[in-house]
Amino acid sequence: MNAQIQIKHVLPAWKVFRSVTDIAPIRDETHYQSMVAMLELLLVEANGDESHPAMDLVDIVGDLIEHFETEHHQMPEVSGVQALKFLMEQHGLKQNDLSEVGSQGVVSEILSGKRELNIRQVRSLSERFGVSPATFVETSNPRRTGQVITHSRRV
């Protein structure tokens, strides 16, 4: 198939599609808000059906939004403890709700910085909240690994 012939058919259709939907690389905050609203409408239309034709547009619009957010809505650097505190607040959890981490006293020591999370605790929290284990990893021990200490991670 000749690519030039296809382009002759695609470009006019693209111009009409773009003028109706405004789906294109996001230009500014107003366009961003419009694309977020479009994404929400597409998700409502698809109604959780992964095979719905709207899901292709969900992927495209979602990628455009993600790209804009990466460039313009940077997430702050936070420590693993800050991330844990945030997630606990968002989920309405108290220290004694994190029994997979340890007793209320152990959780208190972790949240106050007196104790670091071990690998088992990191894995448990990662699974519970559905986030990367890197969210909770604070530092490497430079005496053991010879690596540079990293003090925070993006959430």
N, C-alpha and C. Protein backbone atom coordinates (compact mmCIF):
# COMPACT_ATOMS: atom_id res chain seq x y z
N MET A 1 0.84 -1.17 0.00
CA MET A 1 0.00 0.00 0.00
C MET A 1 0.89 1.24 0.00
N ASN A 2 0.54 2.23 -0.78
CA ASN A 2 1.32 3.44 -0.92
C ASN A 2 1.01 4.41 0.22
N ALA A 3 2.04 4.80 0.97
CA ALA A 3 1.86 5.68 2.13
C ALA A 3 1.30 7.04 1.72
N GLN A 4 1.70 7.55 0.55
CA GLN A 4 1.19 8.85 0.10
C GLN A 4 -0.32 8.82 -0.11
N ILE A 5 -0.81 7.71 -0.66
CA ILE A 5 -2.25 7.58 -0.88
C ILE A 5 -2.98 7.57 0.45
N GLN A 6 -2.45 6.86 1.42
CA GLN A 6 -3.07 6.80 2.74
C GLN A 6 -3.09 8.19 3.40
N ILE A 7 -2.00 8.90 3.30
CA ILE A 7 -1.91 10.24 3.91
C ILE A 7 -2.97 11.15 3.30
N LYS A 8 -3.20 11.05 2.01
CA LYS A 8 -4.22 11.87 1.35
C LYS A 8 -5.60 11.64 1.96
N HIS A 9 -5.85 10.42 2.44
CA HIS A 9 -7.13 10.11 3.05
C HIS A 9 -7.14 10.42 4.54
N VAL A 10 -6.00 10.26 5.17
CA VAL A 10 -5.92 10.43 6.62
C VAL A 10 -5.96 11.90 7.03
N LEU A 11 -5.21 12.75 6.37
CA LEU A 11 -5.11 14.15 6.80
C LEU A 11 -6.45 14.88 6.81
N PRO A 12 -7.29 14.77 5.79
CA PRO A 12 -8.59 15.44 5.88
C PRO A 12 -9.43 14.89 7.04
N ALA A 13 -9.40 13.59 7.25
CA ALA A 13 -10.15 13.00 8.37
C ALA A 13 -9.59 13.48 9.70
N TRP A 14 -8.26 13.58 9.79
CA TRP A 14 -7.62 14.06 11.02
C TRP A 14 -8.03 15.50 11.32
N LYS A 15 -8.06 16.36 10.29
CA LYS A 15 -8.45 17.76 10.50
C LYS A 15 -9.87 17.86 11.05
N VAL A 16 -10.78 17.07 10.51
CA VAL A 16 -12.16 17.07 11.00
C VAL A 16 -12.19 16.54 12.43
N PHE A 17 -11.53 15.41 12.68
CA PHE A 17 -11.51 14.81 14.01
C PHE A 17 -10.94 15.79 15.05
N ARG A 18 -9.83 16.41 14.71
CA ARG A 18 -9.18 17.33 15.65
C ARG A 18 -10.05 18.55 15.91
N SER A 19 -10.72 19.07 14.88
CA SER A 19 -11.56 20.25 15.08
C SER A 19 -12.77 19.93 15.97
N VAL A 20 -13.25 18.69 15.90
CA VAL A 20 -14.41 18.28 16.71
C VAL A 20 -13.99 17.95 18.14
N THR A 21 -12.83 17.30 18.31
CA THR A 21 -12.44 16.79 19.64
C THR A 21 -11.38 17.62 20.35
N ASP A 22 -10.58 18.35 19.61
CA ASP A 22 -9.42 19.08 20.13
C ASP A 22 -8.38 18.13 20.74
N ILE A 23 -8.42 16.85 20.33
CA ILE A 23 -7.43 15.89 20.79
C ILE A 23 -6.15 16.14 20.00
N ALA A 24 -5.14 16.61 20.72
CA ALA A 24 -3.84 16.96 20.14
C ALA A 24 -2.89 17.17 21.31
N PRO A 25 -1.60 17.28 21.03
CA PRO A 25 -0.69 17.59 22.15
C PRO A 25 -1.21 18.80 22.93
N ILE A 26 -1.18 18.68 24.25
CA ILE A 26 -1.77 19.70 25.12
C ILE A 26 -0.90 20.95 25.12
N ARG A 27 -1.54 22.09 24.85
CA ARG A 27 -0.85 23.37 24.68
C ARG A 27 -0.70 24.17 25.97
N ASP A 28 -1.72 24.12 26.82
CA ASP A 28 -1.73 24.97 28.01
C ASP A 28 -2.67 24.39 29.05
N GLU A 29 -2.80 25.07 30.16
CA GLU A 29 -3.61 24.57 31.28
C GLU A 29 -5.09 24.43 30.91
N THR A 30 -5.61 25.36 30.11
CA THR A 30 -7.01 25.29 29.69
C THR A 30 -7.25 24.05 28.83
N HIS A 31 -6.34 23.81 27.89
CA HIS A 31 -6.45 22.63 27.04
C HIS A 31 -6.31 21.36 27.89
N TYR A 32 -5.41 21.40 28.87
CA TYR A 32 -5.23 20.27 29.79
C TYR A 32 -6.55 19.95 30.50
N GLN A 33 -7.21 20.96 31.04
CA GLN A 33 -8.48 20.75 31.74
C GLN A 33 -9.53 20.17 30.79
N SER A 34 -9.52 20.62 29.55
CA SER A 34 -10.43 20.11 28.54
C SER A 34 -10.16 18.63 28.26
N MET A 35 -8.90 18.26 28.19
CA MET A 35 -8.54 16.86 27.92
C MET A 35 -8.87 15.97 29.12
N VAL A 36 -8.71 16.48 30.34
CA VAL A 36 -9.09 15.72 31.53
C VAL A 36 -10.59 15.46 31.50
N ALA A 37 -11.38 16.49 31.14
CA ALA A 37 -12.83 16.32 31.04
C ALA A 37 -13.17 15.31 29.94
N MET A 38 -12.45 15.38 28.82
CA MET A 38 -12.66 14.43 27.72
C MET A 38 -12.37 13.00 28.20
N LEU A 39 -11.28 12.82 28.93
CA LEU A 39 -10.92 11.50 29.44
C LEU A 39 -12.03 10.96 30.35
N GLU A 40 -12.54 11.80 31.22
CA GLU A 40 -13.60 11.37 32.12
C GLU A 40 -14.84 10.94 31.34
N LEU A 41 -15.20 11.69 30.30
CA LEU A 41 -16.35 11.34 29.47
C LEU A 41 -16.13 10.01 28.75
N LEU A 42 -14.92 9.82 28.23
CA LEU A 42 -14.61 8.57 27.55
C LEU A 42 -14.70 7.38 28.50
N LEU A 43 -14.23 7.57 29.73
CA LEU A 43 -14.29 6.49 30.71
C LEU A 43 -15.73 6.16 31.08
N VAL A 44 -16.56 7.18 31.19
CA VAL A 44 -17.98 6.95 31.46
C VAL A 44 -18.61 6.19 30.29
N GLU A 45 -18.28 6.61 29.09
CA GLU A 45 -18.81 5.95 27.89
C GLU A 45 -18.41 4.48 27.84
N ALA A 46 -17.16 4.19 28.14
CA ALA A 46 -16.66 2.81 28.09
C ALA A 46 -17.25 1.95 29.22
N ASN A 47 -17.60 2.60 30.31
CA ASN A 47 -18.26 1.91 31.43
C ASN A 47 -17.51 0.66 31.89
N GLY A 48 -16.17 0.74 31.94
CA GLY A 48 -15.37 -0.37 32.43
C GLY A 48 -15.14 -1.49 31.44
N ASP A 49 -15.67 -1.37 30.22
CA ASP A 49 -15.51 -2.41 29.19
C ASP A 49 -14.21 -2.17 28.43
N GLU A 50 -13.19 -2.99 28.72
CA GLU A 50 -11.87 -2.82 28.10
C GLU A 50 -11.91 -2.98 26.58
N SER A 51 -12.93 -3.63 26.04
CA SER A 51 -13.00 -3.82 24.59
C SER A 51 -13.83 -2.74 23.89
N HIS A 52 -14.35 -1.79 24.65
CA HIS A 52 -15.15 -0.70 24.07
C HIS A 52 -14.26 0.15 23.16
N PRO A 53 -14.78 0.58 22.01
CA PRO A 53 -13.98 1.40 21.09
C PRO A 53 -13.43 2.68 21.72
N ALA A 54 -14.10 3.21 22.73
CA ALA A 54 -13.62 4.43 23.38
C ALA A 54 -12.29 4.21 24.10
N MET A 55 -11.96 2.95 24.41
CA MET A 55 -10.73 2.69 25.15
C MET A 55 -9.48 3.04 24.36
N ASP A 56 -9.54 2.98 23.03
CA ASP A 56 -8.40 3.43 22.23
C ASP A 56 -8.18 4.93 22.43
N LEU A 57 -9.27 5.68 22.47
CA LEU A 57 -9.15 7.12 22.74
C LEU A 57 -8.72 7.38 24.17
N VAL A 58 -9.16 6.56 25.11
CA VAL A 58 -8.73 6.69 26.50
C VAL A 58 -7.21 6.58 26.57
N ASP A 59 -6.65 5.62 25.85
CA ASP A 59 -5.19 5.46 25.83
C ASP A 59 -4.50 6.69 25.26
N ILE A 60 -5.01 7.20 24.15
CA ILE A 60 -4.38 8.35 23.48
C ILE A 60 -4.48 9.59 24.36
N VAL A 61 -5.68 9.88 24.85
CA VAL A 61 -5.87 11.08 25.68
C VAL A 61 -5.10 10.94 26.98
N GLY A 62 -5.10 9.74 27.56
CA GLY A 62 -4.34 9.50 28.79
C GLY A 62 -2.86 9.75 28.59
N ASP A 63 -2.32 9.32 27.45
CA ASP A 63 -0.90 9.58 27.16
C ASP A 63 -0.62 11.07 27.01
N LEU A 64 -1.52 11.79 26.35
CA LEU A 64 -1.33 13.25 26.19
C LEU A 64 -1.35 13.94 27.56
N ILE A 65 -2.27 13.52 28.41
CA ILE A 65 -2.36 14.10 29.75
C ILE A 65 -1.11 13.77 30.56
N GLU A 66 -0.68 12.52 30.50
CA GLU A 66 0.51 12.11 31.24
C GLU A 66 1.73 12.91 30.79
N HIS A 67 1.89 13.11 29.50
CA HIS A 67 3.02 13.88 28.99
C HIS A 67 2.98 15.32 29.51
N PHE A 68 1.81 15.94 29.46
CA PHE A 68 1.68 17.33 29.95
C PHE A 68 1.97 17.39 31.44
N GLU A 69 1.43 16.45 32.20
CA GLU A 69 1.66 16.45 33.65
C GLU A 69 3.13 16.26 33.99
N THR A 70 3.80 15.41 33.24
CA THR A 70 5.23 15.19 33.48
C THR A 70 6.01 16.48 33.27
N GLU A 71 5.64 17.24 32.27
CA GLU A 71 6.34 18.49 31.95
C GLU A 71 5.94 19.65 32.85
N HIS A 72 4.67 19.69 33.27
CA HIS A 72 4.15 20.90 33.92
C HIS A 72 3.63 20.71 35.35
N HIS A 73 3.42 19.50 35.76
CA HIS A 73 2.88 19.24 37.10
C HIS A 73 3.82 18.29 37.84
N GLN A 74 5.01 18.74 38.11
CA GLN A 74 6.02 17.90 38.75
C GLN A 74 5.56 17.51 40.15
N MET A 75 5.77 16.23 40.48
CA MET A 75 5.48 15.75 41.82
C MET A 75 6.64 16.12 42.74
N PRO A 76 6.34 16.56 43.95
CA PRO A 76 7.43 16.93 44.86
C PRO A 76 8.21 15.70 45.32
N GLU A 77 9.47 15.93 45.65
CA GLU A 77 10.30 14.87 46.23
C GLU A 77 9.85 14.67 47.67
N VAL A 78 9.62 13.43 48.04
CA VAL A 78 9.21 13.12 49.41
C VAL A 78 9.97 11.91 49.89
N SER A 79 10.11 11.82 51.20
CA SER A 79 10.77 10.65 51.79
C SER A 79 9.78 9.50 51.85
N GLY A 80 10.29 8.32 52.11
CA GLY A 80 9.43 7.14 52.27
C GLY A 80 8.46 7.30 53.42
N VAL A 81 8.91 7.90 54.51
CA VAL A 81 8.04 8.12 55.67
C VAL A 81 6.95 9.12 55.31
N GLN A 82 7.31 10.19 54.58
CA GLN A 82 6.29 11.15 54.16
C GLN A 82 5.25 10.49 53.26
N ALA A 83 5.72 9.63 52.35
CA ALA A 83 4.81 8.92 51.46
C ALA A 83 3.88 8.01 52.28
N LEU A 84 4.44 7.31 53.26
CA LEU A 84 3.64 6.43 54.11
C LEU A 84 2.60 7.23 54.89
N LYS A 85 3.01 8.36 55.46
CA LYS A 85 2.06 9.20 56.20
C LYS A 85 0.94 9.68 55.28
N PHE A 86 1.29 10.09 54.06
CA PHE A 86 0.29 10.55 53.09
C PHE A 86 -0.68 9.42 52.75
N LEU A 87 -0.15 8.25 52.45
CA LEU A 87 -1.01 7.12 52.10
C LEU A 87 -1.91 6.71 53.27
N MET A 88 -1.38 6.76 54.47
CA MET A 88 -2.19 6.44 55.65
C MET A 88 -3.35 7.44 55.76
N GLU A 89 -3.03 8.72 55.58
CA GLU A 89 -4.06 9.76 55.66
C GLU A 89 -5.12 9.56 54.58
N GLN A 90 -4.68 9.30 53.35
CA GLN A 90 -5.60 9.12 52.23
C GLN A 90 -6.53 7.92 52.42
N HIS A 91 -6.03 6.90 53.11
CA HIS A 91 -6.81 5.69 53.33
C HIS A 91 -7.47 5.65 54.71
N GLY A 92 -7.32 6.74 55.47
CA GLY A 92 -7.94 6.82 56.78
C GLY A 92 -7.41 5.80 57.77
N LEU A 93 -6.09 5.54 57.70
CA LEU A 93 -5.49 4.52 58.55
C LEU A 93 -4.78 5.13 59.75
N LYS A 94 -4.77 4.37 60.82
CA LYS A 94 -4.02 4.74 62.02
C LYS A 94 -2.85 3.76 62.15
N GLN A 95 -1.93 4.05 63.05
CA GLN A 95 -0.75 3.22 63.22
C GLN A 95 -1.10 1.76 63.47
N ASN A 96 -2.11 1.52 64.29
CA ASN A 96 -2.46 0.14 64.62
C ASN A 96 -3.16 -0.59 63.47
N ASP A 97 -3.47 0.12 62.37
CA ASP A 97 -4.05 -0.53 61.19
C ASP A 97 -2.98 -1.17 60.31
N LEU A 98 -1.72 -0.90 60.59
CA LEU A 98 -0.62 -1.43 59.78
C LEU A 98 0.03 -2.63 60.45
N SER A 99 -0.78 -3.63 60.78
CA SER A 99 -0.26 -4.80 61.49
C SER A 99 0.77 -5.56 60.66
N GLU A 100 0.71 -5.44 59.32
CA GLU A 100 1.70 -6.12 58.48
C GLU A 100 3.09 -5.53 58.66
N VAL A 101 3.17 -4.30 59.17
CA VAL A 101 4.46 -3.65 59.43
C VAL A 101 4.98 -4.07 60.79
N GLY A 102 4.11 -4.17 61.75
CA GLY A 102 4.50 -4.54 63.10
C GLY A 102 3.52 -3.95 64.10
N SER A 103 3.91 -3.96 65.34
CA SER A 103 3.05 -3.42 66.39
C SER A 103 2.90 -1.91 66.22
N GLN A 104 1.98 -1.34 66.96
CA GLN A 104 1.77 0.11 66.92
C GLN A 104 3.05 0.82 67.30
N GLY A 105 3.80 0.25 68.23
CA GLY A 105 5.07 0.85 68.65
C GLY A 105 6.11 0.86 67.53
N VAL A 106 6.20 -0.23 66.80
CA VAL A 106 7.13 -0.31 65.68
C VAL A 106 6.74 0.72 64.61
N VAL A 107 5.45 0.79 64.29
CA VAL A 107 4.98 1.75 63.29
C VAL A 107 5.29 3.17 63.76
N SER A 108 5.09 3.44 65.03
CA SER A 108 5.39 4.76 65.59
C SER A 108 6.87 5.11 65.43
N GLU A 109 7.74 4.15 65.69
CA GLU A 109 9.18 4.38 65.54
C GLU A 109 9.54 4.64 64.07
N ILE A 110 8.90 3.95 63.16
CA ILE A 110 9.15 4.17 61.74
C ILE A 110 8.69 5.57 61.34
N LEU A 111 7.50 5.93 61.75
CA LEU A 111 6.95 7.24 61.38
C LEU A 111 7.72 8.40 62.01
N SER A 112 8.35 8.16 63.14
CA SER A 112 9.13 9.22 63.79
C SER A 112 10.58 9.24 63.32
N GLY A 113 10.95 8.27 62.48
CA GLY A 113 12.32 8.23 61.95
C GLY A 113 13.31 7.50 62.84
N LYS A 114 12.86 6.88 63.90
CA LYS A 114 13.75 6.15 64.81
C LYS A 114 14.10 4.77 64.28
N ARG A 115 13.32 4.29 63.33
CA ARG A 115 13.53 2.95 62.78
C ARG A 115 13.26 3.02 61.29
N GLU A 116 14.03 2.24 60.52
CA GLU A 116 13.81 2.16 59.07
C GLU A 116 12.96 0.94 58.75
N LEU A 117 12.25 1.02 57.64
CA LEU A 117 11.49 -0.13 57.16
C LEU A 117 12.43 -1.21 56.67
N ASN A 118 12.11 -2.47 56.97
CA ASN A 118 12.89 -3.57 56.41
C ASN A 118 12.24 -4.01 55.10
N ILE A 119 12.88 -4.90 54.38
CA ILE A 119 12.41 -5.30 53.06
C ILE A 119 11.03 -5.96 53.11
N ARG A 120 10.76 -6.75 54.15
CA ARG A 120 9.45 -7.38 54.30
C ARG A 120 8.36 -6.33 54.46
N GLN A 121 8.65 -5.31 55.29
CA GLN A 121 7.68 -4.25 55.51
C GLN A 121 7.46 -3.43 54.24
N VAL A 122 8.54 -3.16 53.52
CA VAL A 122 8.43 -2.40 52.26
C VAL A 122 7.55 -3.17 51.28
N ARG A 123 7.78 -4.47 51.15
CA ARG A 123 6.97 -5.29 50.24
C ARG A 123 5.50 -5.28 50.66
N SER A 124 5.24 -5.43 51.94
CA SER A 124 3.87 -5.45 52.44
C SER A 124 3.15 -4.13 52.16
N LEU A 125 3.84 -3.02 52.43
CA LEU A 125 3.24 -1.72 52.19
C LEU A 125 3.01 -1.47 50.70
N SER A 126 3.97 -1.89 49.89
CA SER A 126 3.85 -1.76 48.45
C SER A 126 2.62 -2.49 47.94
N GLU A 127 2.42 -3.71 48.40
CA GLU A 127 1.25 -4.50 47.99
C GLU A 127 -0.03 -3.88 48.52
N ARG A 128 -0.03 -3.45 49.76
CA ARG A 128 -1.24 -2.89 50.36
C ARG A 128 -1.72 -1.65 49.62
N PHE A 129 -0.79 -0.75 49.29
CA PHE A 129 -1.17 0.52 48.68
C PHE A 129 -1.07 0.51 47.16
N GLY A 130 -0.55 -0.56 46.57
CA GLY A 130 -0.46 -0.64 45.12
C GLY A 130 0.53 0.34 44.53
N VAL A 131 1.66 0.55 45.22
CA VAL A 131 2.70 1.46 44.73
C VAL A 131 4.02 0.71 44.63
N SER A 132 4.97 1.31 43.96
CA SER A 132 6.29 0.71 43.82
C SER A 132 6.97 0.63 45.18
N PRO A 133 7.72 -0.44 45.43
CA PRO A 133 8.50 -0.52 46.66
C PRO A 133 9.46 0.66 46.81
N ALA A 134 9.91 1.23 45.70
CA ALA A 134 10.83 2.38 45.76
C ALA A 134 10.21 3.56 46.50
N THR A 135 8.90 3.60 46.58
CA THR A 135 8.22 4.68 47.30
C THR A 135 8.67 4.75 48.75
N PHE A 136 8.96 3.60 49.35
CA PHE A 136 9.27 3.54 50.77
C PHE A 136 10.75 3.38 51.07
N VAL A 137 11.59 3.26 50.06
CA VAL A 137 13.01 3.05 50.27
C VAL A 137 13.68 4.39 50.49
N GLU A 138 14.30 4.55 51.63
CA GLU A 138 14.93 5.81 52.00
C GLU A 138 16.34 5.96 51.45
N THR A 139 17.22 5.08 51.90
CA THR A 139 18.63 5.25 51.57
C THR A 139 19.30 3.91 51.41
N SER A 140 20.46 3.94 50.82
CA SER A 140 21.34 2.78 50.84
C SER A 140 22.36 3.04 51.92
N ASN A 141 22.85 2.00 52.55
CA ASN A 141 23.90 2.17 53.55
C ASN A 141 25.23 2.24 52.81
N PRO A 142 25.86 3.43 52.73
CA PRO A 142 27.08 3.56 51.94
C PRO A 142 28.24 2.74 52.50
N ARG A 143 28.21 2.44 53.79
CA ARG A 143 29.30 1.62 54.36
C ARG A 143 29.22 0.19 53.84
N ARG A 144 27.99 -0.28 53.59
CA ARG A 144 27.82 -1.64 53.11
C ARG A 144 27.94 -1.74 51.59
N THR A 145 27.41 -0.74 50.87
CA THR A 145 27.32 -0.86 49.42
C THR A 145 28.29 0.02 48.66
N GLY A 146 28.79 1.06 49.31
CA GLY A 146 29.65 2.00 48.61
C GLY A 146 28.88 2.92 47.68
N GLN A 147 27.54 2.89 47.76
CA GLN A 147 26.73 3.72 46.88
C GLN A 147 26.44 5.07 47.52
N VAL A 148 26.04 6.01 46.67
CA VAL A 148 25.66 7.33 47.14
C VAL A 148 24.28 7.24 47.77
N ILE A 149 24.09 7.95 48.87
CA ILE A 149 22.80 7.95 49.56
C ILE A 149 21.81 8.78 48.76
N THR A 150 20.60 8.24 48.57
CA THR A 150 19.50 8.97 47.97
C THR A 150 18.47 9.19 49.07
N HIS A 151 18.15 10.43 49.34
CA HIS A 151 17.30 10.73 50.50
C HIS A 151 15.81 10.71 50.23
N SER A 152 15.36 10.80 48.99
CA SER A 152 13.93 10.83 48.77
C SER A 152 13.59 10.27 47.41
N ARG A 153 12.32 9.98 47.24
CA ARG A 153 11.81 9.41 46.00
C ARG A 153 10.58 10.21 45.57
N ARG A 154 10.27 10.16 44.30
CA ARG A 154 9.01 10.75 43.82
C ARG A 154 7.89 9.77 44.08
N VAL A 155 6.75 10.30 44.49
CA VAL A 155 5.58 9.46 44.74
C VAL A 155 4.64 9.59 43.57
